[in-house]
PDB file of N, CA and C in Angstrom:
ATOM      1  N   MET A   1      -3.856  44.571  48.933  1.00  0.00           N
ATOM      2  CA  MET A   1      -2.539  45.039  48.617  1.00  0.00           C
ATOM      3  C   MET A   1      -1.751  43.879  48.020  1.00  0.00           C
ATOM      4  N   ASN A   2      -1.041  44.131  46.970  1.00  0.00           N
ATOM      5  CA  ASN A   2      -0.264  43.102  46.276  1.00  0.00           C
ATOM      6  C   ASN A   2       1.075  42.879  46.958  1.00  0.00           C
ATOM      7  N   ARG A   3       1.350  41.588  47.196  1.00  0.00           N
ATOM      8  CA  ARG A   3       2.656  41.247  47.750  1.00  0.00           C
ATOM      9  C   ARG A   3       3.572  40.866  46.616  1.00  0.00           C
ATOM     10  N   PRO A   4       4.839  41.167  46.700  1.00  0.00           N
ATOM     11  CA  PRO A   4       5.756  40.762  45.632  1.00  0.00           C
ATOM     12  C   PRO A   4       5.943  39.249  45.643  1.00  0.00           C
ATOM     13  N   LEU A   5       6.102  38.692  44.466  1.00  0.00           N
ATOM     14  CA  LEU A   5       6.313  37.253  44.345  1.00  0.00           C
ATOM     15  C   LEU A   5       7.725  36.897  44.795  1.00  0.00           C
ATOM     16  N   PRO A   6       7.870  35.731  45.465  1.00  0.00           N
ATOM     17  CA  PRO A   6       9.222  35.322  45.867  1.00  0.00           C
ATOM     18  C   PRO A   6      10.048  34.948  44.647  1.00  0.00           C
ATOM     19  N   SER A   7      11.326  35.025  44.773  1.00  0.00           N
ATOM     20  CA  SER A   7      12.210  34.707  43.655  1.00  0.00           C
ATOM     21  C   SER A   7      12.241  33.198  43.413  1.00  0.00           C
ATOM     22  N   GLU A   8      12.787  32.809  42.293  1.00  0.00           N
ATOM     23  CA  GLU A   8      12.860  31.399  41.944  1.00  0.00           C
ATOM     24  C   GLU A   8      13.747  30.620  42.914  1.00  0.00           C
ATOM     25  N   ASP A   9      14.815  31.232  43.374  1.00  0.00           N
ATOM     26  CA  ASP A   9      15.702  30.560  44.340  1.00  0.00           C
ATOM     27  C   ASP A   9      14.975  30.308  45.652  1.00  0.00           C
ATOM     28  N   ALA A  10      14.180  31.290  46.086  1.00  0.00           N
ATOM     29  CA  ALA A  10      13.425  31.117  47.333  1.00  0.00           C
ATOM     30  C   ALA A  10      12.409  29.988  47.198  1.00  0.00           C
ATOM     31  N   LEU A  11      11.763  29.895  46.036  1.00  0.00           N
ATOM     32  CA  LEU A  11      10.787  28.819  45.812  1.00  0.00           C
ATOM     33  C   LEU A  11      11.466  27.458  45.760  1.00  0.00           C
ATOM     34  N   ARG A  12      12.637  27.386  45.159  1.00  0.00           N
ATOM     35  CA  ARG A  12      13.375  26.117  45.100  1.00  0.00           C
ATOM     36  C   ARG A  12      13.785  25.656  46.505  1.00  0.00           C
ATOM     37  N   SER A  13      14.212  26.588  47.333  1.00  0.00           N
ATOM     38  CA  SER A  13      14.609  26.199  48.696  1.00  0.00           C
ATOM     39  C   SER A  13      13.401  25.746  49.509  1.00  0.00           C
ATOM     40  N   LEU A  14      12.230  26.386  49.318  1.00  0.00           N
ATOM     41  CA  LEU A  14      11.015  25.933  50.014  1.00  0.00           C
ATOM     42  C   LEU A  14      10.616  24.533  49.544  1.00  0.00           C
ATOM     43  N   HIS A  15      10.754  24.278  48.262  1.00  0.00           N
ATOM     44  CA  HIS A  15      10.434  22.954  47.740  1.00  0.00           C
ATOM     45  C   HIS A  15      11.370  21.894  48.314  1.00  0.00           C
ATOM     46  N   ALA A  16      12.635  22.190  48.383  1.00  0.00           N
ATOM     47  CA  ALA A  16      13.607  21.241  48.950  1.00  0.00           C
ATOM     48  C   ALA A  16      13.302  20.961  50.416  1.00  0.00           C
ATOM     49  N   GLN A  17      12.925  21.978  51.164  1.00  0.00           N
ATOM     50  CA  GLN A  17      12.584  21.787  52.578  1.00  0.00           C
ATOM     51  C   GLN A  17      11.335  20.922  52.719  1.00  0.00           C
ATOM     52  N   SER A  18      10.338  21.141  51.830  1.00  0.00           N
ATOM     53  CA  SER A  18       9.109  20.346  51.935  1.00  0.00           C
ATOM     54  C   SER A  18       9.376  18.883  51.580  1.00  0.00           C
ATOM     55  N   LEU A  19      10.298  18.626  50.635  1.00  0.00           N
ATOM     56  CA  LEU A  19      10.628  17.247  50.299  1.00  0.00           C
ATOM     57  C   LEU A  19      11.342  16.542  51.445  1.00  0.00           C
ATOM     58  N   GLN A  20      12.163  17.254  52.191  1.00  0.00           N
ATOM     59  CA  GLN A  20      12.851  16.653  53.335  1.00  0.00           C
ATOM     60  C   GLN A  20      11.879  16.362  54.464  1.00  0.00           C
ATOM     61  N   ALA A  21      10.780  17.112  54.534  1.00  0.00           N
ATOM     62  CA  ALA A  21       9.809  16.909  55.608  1.00  0.00           C
ATOM     63  C   ALA A  21       8.903  15.706  55.345  1.00  0.00           C
ATOM     64  N   LEU A  22       8.827  15.234  54.098  1.00  0.00           N
ATOM     65  CA  LEU A  22       7.955  14.097  53.780  1.00  0.00           C
ATOM     66  C   LEU A  22       8.610  12.794  54.210  1.00  0.00           C
ATOM     67  N   SER A  23       7.767  11.860  54.637  1.00  0.00           N
ATOM     68  CA  SER A  23       8.288  10.549  55.019  1.00  0.00           C
ATOM     69  C   SER A  23       8.597   9.732  53.758  1.00  0.00           C
ATOM     70  N   PRO A  24       9.493   8.756  53.868  1.00  0.00           N
ATOM     71  CA  PRO A  24       9.817   7.918  52.703  1.00  0.00           C
ATOM     72  C   PRO A  24       8.601   7.147  52.167  1.00  0.00           C
ATOM     73  N   ALA A  25       7.667   6.778  53.051  1.00  0.00           N
ATOM     74  CA  ALA A  25       6.475   6.048  52.598  1.00  0.00           C
ATOM     75  C   ALA A  25       5.606   6.945  51.707  1.00  0.00           C
ATOM     76  N   THR A  26       5.481   8.220  52.100  1.00  0.00           N
ATOM     77  CA  THR A  26       4.689   9.157  51.301  1.00  0.00           C
ATOM     78  C   THR A  26       5.353   9.405  49.952  1.00  0.00           C
ATOM     79  N   LEU A  27       6.663   9.552  49.954  1.00  0.00           N
ATOM     80  CA  LEU A  27       7.386   9.741  48.690  1.00  0.00           C
ATOM     81  C   LEU A  27       7.225   8.534  47.767  1.00  0.00           C
ATOM     82  N   ALA A  28       7.235   7.330  48.350  1.00  0.00           N
ATOM     83  CA  ALA A  28       7.058   6.119  47.552  1.00  0.00           C
ATOM     84  C   ALA A  28       5.657   6.063  46.952  1.00  0.00           C
ATOM     85  N   ARG A  29       4.636   6.423  47.733  1.00  0.00           N
ATOM     86  CA  ARG A  29       3.257   6.451  47.220  1.00  0.00           C
ATOM     87  C   ARG A  29       3.115   7.476  46.101  1.00  0.00           C
ATOM     88  N   LEU A  30       3.725   8.649  46.269  1.00  0.00           N
ATOM     89  CA  LEU A  30       3.667   9.671  45.219  1.00  0.00           C
ATOM     90  C   LEU A  30       4.370   9.197  43.943  1.00  0.00           C
ATOM     91  N   ARG A  31       5.505   8.531  44.100  1.00  0.00           N
ATOM     92  CA  ARG A  31       6.239   8.025  42.951  1.00  0.00           C
ATOM     93  C   ARG A  31       5.417   6.963  42.216  1.00  0.00           C
ATOM     94  N   ASN A  32       4.787   6.055  42.972  1.00  0.00           N
ATOM     95  CA  ASN A  32       3.958   5.014  42.360  1.00  0.00           C
ATOM     96  C   ASN A  32       2.756   5.626  41.627  1.00  0.00           C
ATOM     97  N   ALA A  33       2.162   6.640  42.217  1.00  0.00           N
ATOM     98  CA  ALA A  33       1.018   7.289  41.574  1.00  0.00           C
ATOM     99  C   ALA A  33       1.436   7.967  40.275  1.00  0.00           C
ATOM    100  N   ARG A  34       2.613   8.592  40.265  1.00  0.00           N
ATOM    101  CA  ARG A  34       3.100   9.252  39.062  1.00  0.00           C
ATOM    102  C   ARG A  34       3.372   8.232  37.959  1.00  0.00           C
ATOM    103  N   HIS A  35       3.966   7.105  38.312  1.00  0.00           N
ATOM    104  CA  HIS A  35       4.269   6.079  37.311  1.00  0.00           C
ATOM    105  C   HIS A  35       2.997   5.411  36.779  1.00  0.00           C
ATOM    106  N   SER A  36       2.024   5.176  37.640  1.00  0.00           N
ATOM    107  CA  SER A  36       0.787   4.545  37.159  1.00  0.00           C
ATOM    108  C   SER A  36       0.010   5.506  36.266  1.00  0.00           C
ATOM    109  N   ALA A  37       0.092   6.799  36.548  1.00  0.00           N
ATOM    110  CA  ALA A  37      -0.578   7.768  35.683  1.00  0.00           C
ATOM    111  C   ALA A  37       0.062   7.806  34.309  1.00  0.00           C
ATOM    112  N   SER A  38       1.366   7.693  34.236  1.00  0.00           N
ATOM    113  CA  SER A  38       2.040   7.693  32.931  1.00  0.00           C
ATOM    114  C   SER A  38       1.735   6.410  32.167  1.00  0.00           C
ATOM    115  N   ARG A  39       1.593   5.277  32.875  1.00  0.00           N
ATOM    116  CA  ARG A  39       1.228   4.028  32.206  1.00  0.00           C
ATOM    117  C   ARG A  39      -0.198   4.093  31.683  1.00  0.00           C
ATOM    118  N   ALA A  40      -1.108   4.724  32.431  1.00  0.00           N
ATOM    119  CA  ALA A  40      -2.501   4.855  31.989  1.00  0.00           C
ATOM    120  C   ALA A  40      -2.576   5.725  30.739  1.00  0.00           C
ATOM    121  N   HIS A  41      -1.768   6.761  30.704  1.00  0.00           N
ATOM    122  CA  HIS A  41      -1.744   7.636  29.536  1.00  0.00           C
ATOM    123  C   HIS A  41      -1.229   6.876  28.313  1.00  0.00           C
ATOM    124  N   ALA A  42      -0.223   6.049  28.491  1.00  0.00           N
ATOM    125  CA  ALA A  42       0.329   5.273  27.381  1.00  0.00           C
ATOM    126  C   ALA A  42      -0.685   4.252  26.878  1.00  0.00           C
ATOM    127  N   SER A  43      -1.441   3.619  27.770  1.00  0.00           N
ATOM    128  CA  SER A  43      -2.427   2.631  27.327  1.00  0.00           C
ATOM    129  C   SER A  43      -3.593   3.330  26.630  1.00  0.00           C
ATOM    130  N   ARG A  44      -3.943   4.528  27.053  1.00  0.00           N
ATOM    131  CA  ARG A  44      -4.998   5.286  26.393  1.00  0.00           C
ATOM    132  C   ARG A  44      -4.572   5.607  24.959  1.00  0.00           C
ATOM    133  N   TRP A  45      -3.309   5.951  24.768  1.00  0.00           N
ATOM    134  CA  TRP A  45      -2.780   6.240  23.444  1.00  0.00           C
ATOM    135  C   TRP A  45      -2.846   4.990  22.562  1.00  0.00           C
ATOM    136  N   ARG A  46      -2.561   3.841  23.150  1.00  0.00           N
ATOM    137  CA  ARG A  46      -2.631   2.601  22.370  1.00  0.00           C
ATOM    138  C   ARG A  46      -4.043   2.300  21.905  1.00  0.00           C
ATOM    139  N   TRP A  47      -5.036   2.549  22.767  1.00  0.00           N
ATOM    140  CA  TRP A  47      -6.423   2.318  22.378  1.00  0.00           C
ATOM    141  C   TRP A  47      -6.826   3.225  21.227  1.00  0.00           C
ATOM    142  N   TRP A  48      -6.427   4.489  21.293  1.00  0.00           N
ATOM    143  CA  TRP A  48      -6.756   5.412  20.206  1.00  0.00           C
ATOM    144  C   TRP A  48      -6.094   4.953  18.904  1.00  0.00           C
ATOM    145  N   LEU A  49      -4.873   4.520  18.954  1.00  0.00           N
ATOM    146  CA  LEU A  49      -4.165   4.056  17.768  1.00  0.00           C
ATOM    147  C   LEU A  49      -4.836   2.809  17.196  1.00  0.00           C
ATOM    148  N   ALA A  50      -5.214   1.878  18.058  1.00  0.00           N
ATOM    149  CA  ALA A  50      -5.887   0.661  17.592  1.00  0.00           C
ATOM    150  C   ALA A  50      -7.237   0.998  16.957  1.00  0.00           C
ATOM    151  N   SER A  51      -7.971   1.920  17.535  1.00  0.00           N
ATOM    152  CA  SER A  51      -9.270   2.309  16.973  1.00  0.00           C
ATOM    153  C   SER A  51      -9.098   2.984  15.621  1.00  0.00           C
ATOM    154  N   ALA A  52      -8.110   3.845  15.488  1.00  0.00           N
ATOM    155  CA  ALA A  52      -7.881   4.538  14.224  1.00  0.00           C
ATOM    156  C   ALA A  52      -7.479   3.547  13.130  1.00  0.00           C
ATOM    157  N   CYS A  53      -6.629   2.600  13.464  1.00  0.00           N
ATOM    158  CA  CYS A  53      -6.222   1.590  12.474  1.00  0.00           C
ATOM    159  C   CYS A  53      -7.414   0.727  12.057  1.00  0.00           C
ATOM    160  N   SER A  54      -8.261   0.370  13.000  1.00  0.00           N
ATOM    161  CA  SER A  54      -9.443  -0.420  12.669  1.00  0.00           C
ATOM    162  C   SER A  54     -10.375   0.348  11.745  1.00  0.00           C
ATOM    163  N   LEU A  55     -10.513   1.643  11.978  1.00  0.00           N
ATOM    164  CA  LEU A  55     -11.366   2.464  11.123  1.00  0.00           C
ATOM    165  C   LEU A  55     -10.815   2.532   9.705  1.00  0.00           C
ATOM    166  N   VAL A  56      -9.527   2.701   9.574  1.00  0.00           N
ATOM    167  CA  VAL A  56      -8.912   2.763   8.245  1.00  0.00           C
ATOM    168  C   VAL A  56      -9.092   1.443   7.510  1.00  0.00           C
ATOM    169  N   ILE A  57      -8.918   0.345   8.190  1.00  0.00           N
ATOM    170  CA  ILE A  57      -9.094  -0.966   7.556  1.00  0.00           C
ATOM    171  C   ILE A  57     -10.548  -1.176   7.154  1.00  0.00           C
ATOM    172  N   ALA A  58     -11.492  -0.788   8.021  1.00  0.00           N
ATOM    173  CA  ALA A  58     -12.912  -0.943   7.699  1.00  0.00           C
ATOM    174  C   ALA A  58     -13.299  -0.085   6.493  1.00  0.00           C
ATOM    175  N   LEU A  59     -12.775   1.115   6.401  1.00  0.00           N
ATOM    176  CA  LEU A  59     -13.060   1.951   5.235  1.00  0.00           C
ATOM    177  C   LEU A  59     -12.465   1.353   3.966  1.00  0.00           C
ATOM    178  N   GLY A  60     -11.274   0.802   4.075  1.00  0.00           N
ATOM    179  CA  GLY A  60     -10.661   0.158   2.909  1.00  0.00           C
ATOM    180  C   GLY A  60     -11.464  -1.024   2.424  1.00  0.00           C
ATOM    181  N   VAL A  61     -11.974  -1.835   3.338  1.00  0.00           N
ATOM    182  CA  VAL A  61     -12.794  -2.982   2.959  1.00  0.00           C
ATOM    183  C   VAL A  61     -14.113  -2.505   2.364  1.00  0.00           C
ATOM    184  N   GLY A  62     -14.693  -1.458   2.936  1.00  0.00           N
ATOM    185  CA  GLY A  62     -15.944  -0.924   2.414  1.00  0.00           C
ATOM    186  C   GLY A  62     -15.806  -0.371   1.014  1.00  0.00           C
ATOM    187  N   VAL A  63     -14.691   0.254   0.727  1.00  0.00           N
ATOM    188  CA  VAL A  63     -14.457   0.790  -0.613  1.00  0.00           C
ATOM    189  C   VAL A  63     -14.325  -0.344  -1.615  1.00  0.00           C
ATOM    190  N   GLN A  64     -13.808  -1.483  -1.206  1.00  0.00           N
ATOM    191  CA  GLN A  64     -13.673  -2.620  -2.104  1.00  0.00           C
ATOM    192  C   GLN A  64     -15.032  -3.151  -2.555  1.00  0.00           C
ATOM    193  N   PHE A  65     -16.056  -3.049  -1.695  1.00  0.00           N
ATOM    194  CA  PHE A  65     -17.384  -3.538  -2.043  1.00  0.00           C
ATOM    195  C   PHE A  65     -18.103  -2.607  -3.000  1.00  0.00           C
ATOM    196  N   VAL A  66     -17.800  -1.327  -2.954  1.00  0.00           N
ATOM    197  CA  VAL A  66     -18.429  -0.366  -3.856  1.00  0.00           C
ATOM    198  C   VAL A  66     -17.468  -0.148  -5.014  1.00  0.00           C
ATOM    199  N   GLY A  67     -17.829  -0.634  -6.181  1.00  0.00           N
ATOM    200  CA  GLY A  67     -16.966  -0.496  -7.349  1.00  0.00           C
ATOM    201  C   GLY A  67     -16.993   0.923  -7.884  1.00  0.00           C
ATOM    202  N   PRO A  68     -16.013   1.314  -8.682  1.00  0.00           N
ATOM    203  CA  PRO A  68     -15.983   2.682  -9.195  1.00  0.00           C
ATOM    204  C   PRO A  68     -17.135   2.970 -10.153  1.00  0.00           C
ATOM    205  N   GLY A  69     -17.600   1.992 -10.930  1.00  0.00           N
ATOM    206  CA  GLY A  69     -18.719   2.217 -11.840  1.00  0.00           C
ATOM    207  C   GLY A  69     -20.042   2.322 -11.112  1.00  0.00           C
ATOM    208  N   GLU A  70     -20.217   1.580 -10.040  1.00  0.00           N
ATOM    209  CA  GLU A  70     -21.478   1.604  -9.299  1.00  0.00           C
ATOM    210  C   GLU A  70     -21.703   2.937  -8.616  1.00  0.00           C
ATOM    211  N   HIS A  71     -20.675   3.484  -8.071  1.00  0.00           N
ATOM    212  CA  HIS A  71     -20.819   4.721  -7.295  1.00  0.00           C
ATOM    213  C   HIS A  71     -21.172   5.910  -8.181  1.00  0.00           C
ATOM    214  N   GLN A  72     -20.505   6.064  -9.318  1.00  0.00           N
ATOM    215  CA  GLN A  72     -20.745   7.209 -10.173  1.00  0.00           C
ATOM    216  C   GLN A  72     -21.938   6.993 -11.096  1.00  0.00           C
ATOM    217  N   GLY A  73     -22.165   5.798 -11.545  1.00  0.00           N
ATOM    218  CA  GLY A  73     -23.252   5.531 -12.486  1.00  0.00           C
ATOM    219  C   GLY A  73     -24.621   5.699 -11.860  1.00  0.00           C
ATOM    220  N   ALA A  74     -24.771   5.416 -10.585  1.00  0.00           N
ATOM    221  CA  ALA A  74     -26.069   5.518  -9.932  1.00  0.00           C
ATOM    222  C   ALA A  74     -26.519   6.974  -9.833  1.00  0.00           C
ATOM    223  N   ALA A  75     -25.602   7.893  -9.706  1.00  0.00           N
ATOM    224  CA  ALA A  75     -25.979   9.298  -9.560  1.00  0.00           C
ATOM    225  C   ALA A  75     -26.342   9.921 -10.901  1.00  0.00           C
ATOM    226  N   THR A  76     -25.770   9.476 -12.003  1.00  0.00           N
ATOM    227  CA  THR A  76     -26.038  10.104 -13.293  1.00  0.00           C
ATOM    228  C   THR A  76     -27.231   9.498 -14.008  1.00  0.00           C
ATOM    229  N   THR A  77     -27.642   8.309 -13.694  1.00  0.00           N
ATOM    230  CA  THR A  77     -28.733   7.649 -14.409  1.00  0.00           C
ATOM    231  C   THR A  77     -30.073   8.356 -14.228  1.00  0.00           C
ATOM    232  N   PRO A  78     -30.513   8.751 -13.034  1.00  0.00           N
ATOM    233  CA  PRO A  78     -31.810   9.423 -12.912  1.00  0.00           C
ATOM    234  C   PRO A  78     -31.839  10.770 -13.629  1.00  0.00           C
ATOM    235  N   ILE A  79     -30.730  11.484 -13.664  1.00  0.00           N
ATOM    236  CA  ILE A  79     -30.711  12.783 -14.328  1.00  0.00           C
ATOM    237  C   ILE A  79     -30.882  12.600 -15.831  1.00  0.00           C
ATOM    238  N   ALA A  80     -30.190  11.631 -16.397  1.00  0.00           N
ATOM    239  CA  ALA A  80     -30.311  11.379 -17.831  1.00  0.00           C
ATOM    240  C   ALA A  80     -31.721  10.910 -18.173  1.00  0.00           C
ATOM    241  N   ALA A  81     -32.324  10.102 -17.354  1.00  0.00           N
ATOM    242  CA  ALA A  81     -33.681   9.620 -17.598  1.00  0.00           C
ATOM    243  C   ALA A  81     -34.681  10.770 -17.525  1.00  0.00           C
ATOM    244  N   ALA A  82     -34.480  11.721 -16.610  1.00  0.00           N
ATOM    245  CA  ALA A  82     -35.386  12.859 -16.496  1.00  0.00           C
ATOM    246  C   ALA A  82     -35.296  13.750 -17.720  1.00  0.00           C
ATOM    247  N   GLU A  83     -34.111  13.935 -18.284  1.00  0.00           N
ATOM    248  CA  GLU A  83     -33.963  14.743 -19.488  1.00  0.00           C
ATOM    249  C   GLU A  83     -34.639  14.076 -20.676  1.00  0.00           C
ATOM    250  N   GLU A  84     -34.539  12.780 -20.794  1.00  0.00           N
ATOM    251  CA  GLU A  84     -35.172  12.075 -21.892  1.00  0.00           C
ATOM    252  C   GLU A  84     -36.681  12.147 -21.779  1.00  0.00           C
ATOM    253  N   ASP A  85     -37.224  12.049 -20.590  1.00  0.00           N
ATOM    254  CA  ASP A  85     -38.669  12.107 -20.405  1.00  0.00           C
ATOM    255  C   ASP A  85     -39.216  13.462 -20.820  1.00  0.00           C
ATOM    256  N   ASN A  86     -38.538  14.559 -20.476  1.00  0.00           N
ATOM    257  CA  ASN A  86     -39.013  15.885 -20.852  1.00  0.00           C
ATOM    258  C   ASN A  86     -38.978  16.064 -22.362  1.00  0.00           C
ATOM    259  N   GLY A  87     -37.952  15.586 -23.007  1.00  0.00           N
ATOM    260  CA  GLY A  87     -37.857  15.694 -24.457  1.00  0.00           C
ATOM    261  C   GLY A  87     -38.968  14.935 -25.151  1.00  0.00           C
ATOM    262  N   ALA A  88     -39.303  13.777 -24.646  1.00  0.00           N
ATOM    263  CA  ALA A  88     -40.371  12.974 -25.236  1.00  0.00           C
ATOM    264  C   ALA A  88     -41.711  13.669 -25.051  1.00  0.00           C
ATOM    265  N   LEU A  89     -41.914  14.374 -23.982  1.00  0.00           N
ATOM    266  CA  LEU A  89     -43.170  15.071 -23.734  1.00  0.00           C
ATOM    267  C   LEU A  89     -43.380  16.180 -24.753  1.00  0.00           C
ATOM    268  N   TYR A  90     -42.341  16.951 -25.040  1.00  0.00           N
ATOM    269  CA  TYR A  90     -42.484  18.057 -25.990  1.00  0.00           C
ATOM    270  C   TYR A  90     -42.574  17.551 -27.427  1.00  0.00           C
ATOM    271  N   ASP A  91     -41.930  16.439 -27.738  1.00  0.00           N
ATOM    272  CA  ASP A  91     -41.994  15.898 -29.088  1.00  0.00           C
ATOM    273  C   ASP A  91     -43.377  15.332 -29.410  1.00  0.00           C
ATOM    274  N   GLU A  92     -44.096  14.837 -28.437  1.00  0.00           N
ATOM    275  CA  GLU A  92     -45.402  14.253 -28.672  1.00  0.00           C
ATOM    276  C   GLU A  92     -46.472  15.307 -28.946  1.00  0.00           C
ATOM    277  N   ASN A  93     -46.335  16.515 -28.417  1.00  0.00           N
ATOM    278  CA  ASN A  93     -47.374  17.519 -28.557  1.00  0.00           C
ATOM    279  C   ASN A  93     -46.795  18.800 -29.175  1.00  0.00           C
ATOM    280  N   PRO A  94     -46.639  18.894 -30.478  1.00  0.00           N
ATOM    281  CA  PRO A  94     -46.125  20.117 -31.098  1.00  0.00           C
ATOM    282  C   PRO A  94     -47.145  21.243 -31.113  1.00  0.00           C
ATOM    283  N   ASP A  95     -48.420  20.931 -30.834  1.00  0.00           N
ATOM    284  CA  ASP A  95     -49.438  21.986 -30.787  1.00  0.00           C
ATOM    285  C   ASP A  95     -49.177  22.975 -29.665  1.00  0.00           C
ATOM    286  N   LEU A  96     -48.420  22.583 -28.663  1.00  0.00           N
ATOM    287  CA  LEU A  96     -48.090  23.490 -27.562  1.00  0.00           C
ATOM    288  C   LEU A  96     -47.322  24.696 -28.083  1.00  0.00           C
ATOM    289  N   TYR A  97     -46.398  24.456 -28.992  1.00  0.00           N
ATOM    290  CA  TYR A  97     -45.615  25.567 -29.531  1.00  0.00           C
ATOM    291  C   TYR A  97     -46.492  26.483 -30.388  1.00  0.00           C
ATOM    292  N   LEU A  98     -47.409  25.915 -31.129  1.00  0.00           N
ATOM    293  CA  LEU A  98     -48.330  26.723 -31.935  1.00  0.00           C
ATOM    294  C   LEU A  98     -49.227  27.566 -31.057  1.00  0.00           C
ATOM    295  N   TRP A  99     -49.684  26.969 -29.954  1.00  0.00           N
ATOM    296  CA  TRP A  99     -50.559  27.703 -29.035  1.00  0.00           C
ATOM    297  C   TRP A  99     -49.792  28.844 -28.387  1.00  0.00           C
ATOM    298  N   LEU A 100     -48.541  28.605 -28.002  1.00  0.00           N
ATOM    299  CA  LEU A 100     -47.739  29.662 -27.384  1.00  0.00           C
ATOM    300  C   LEU A 100     -47.457  30.792 -28.374  1.00  0.00           C
ATOM    301  N   GLY A 101     -47.265  30.477 -29.642  1.00  0.00           N
ATOM    302  CA  GLY A 101     -47.004  31.504 -30.640  1.00  0.00           C
ATOM    303  C   GLY A 101     -48.226  32.344 -30.956  1.00  0.00           C
ATOM    304  N   ASP A 102     -49.422  31.758 -30.915  1.00  0.00           N
ATOM    305  CA  ASP A 102     -50.648  32.480 -31.223  1.00  0.00           C
ATOM    306  C   ASP A 102     -51.178  33.287 -30.058  1.00  0.00           C
ATOM    307  N   ASN A 103     -50.820  32.883 -28.856  1.00  0.00           N
ATOM    308  CA  ASN A 103     -51.365  33.515 -27.655  1.00  0.00           C
ATOM    309  C   ASN A 103     -50.520  34.724 -27.275  1.00  0.00           C
ATOM    310  N   ASP A 104     -51.149  35.877 -27.065  1.00  0.00           N
ATOM    311  CA  ASP A 104     -50.440  37.069 -26.668  1.00  0.00           C
ATOM    312  C   ASP A 104     -50.058  37.032 -25.193  1.00  0.00           C
ATOM    313  N   LEU A 105     -50.707  36.221 -24.402  1.00  0.00           N
ATOM    314  CA  LEU A 105     -50.397  36.147 -22.971  1.00  0.00           C
ATOM    315  C   LEU A 105     -49.012  35.556 -22.730  1.00  0.00           C
ATOM    316  N   ALA A 106     -48.561  34.742 -23.621  1.00  0.00           N
ATOM    317  CA  ALA A 106     -47.246  34.109 -23.437  1.00  0.00           C
ATOM    318  C   ALA A 106     -46.127  35.107 -23.588  1.00  0.00           C
ATOM    319  N   MET A 107     -46.343  36.198 -24.252  1.00  0.00           N
ATOM    320  CA  MET A 107     -45.291  37.184 -24.479  1.00  0.00           C
ATOM    321  C   MET A 107     -45.168  38.181 -23.330  1.00  0.00           C
ATOM    322  N   GLU A 108     -46.150  38.233 -22.434  1.00  0.00           N
ATOM    323  CA  GLU A 108     -46.126  39.206 -21.343  1.00  0.00           C
ATOM    324  C   GLU A 108     -45.201  38.822 -20.241  1.00  0.00           C
TER     325      GLU A 108
END
């Protein structure tokens, strides 16, 4: 069976009563734990920021070593060489075209 939820005012009064029941030493320990957790979160954020900045600097230095001509020229050179090789192969043997024209199998 479902019980109705207490109102917000009732919950606030229960919270106030529980805080009065705690000893000052316990409240001090809870306060210290809350502050140390917030400091740990802030230091974690600093580490992430330092790592991200280091990565950006390392990428910038790496880009300086690879020049703009080296990066693009290396990819286009093998393709151009392959096209030239195929052209030279067909230019050396023109009998291939004559054989293809005379053979009826090539038209099927």
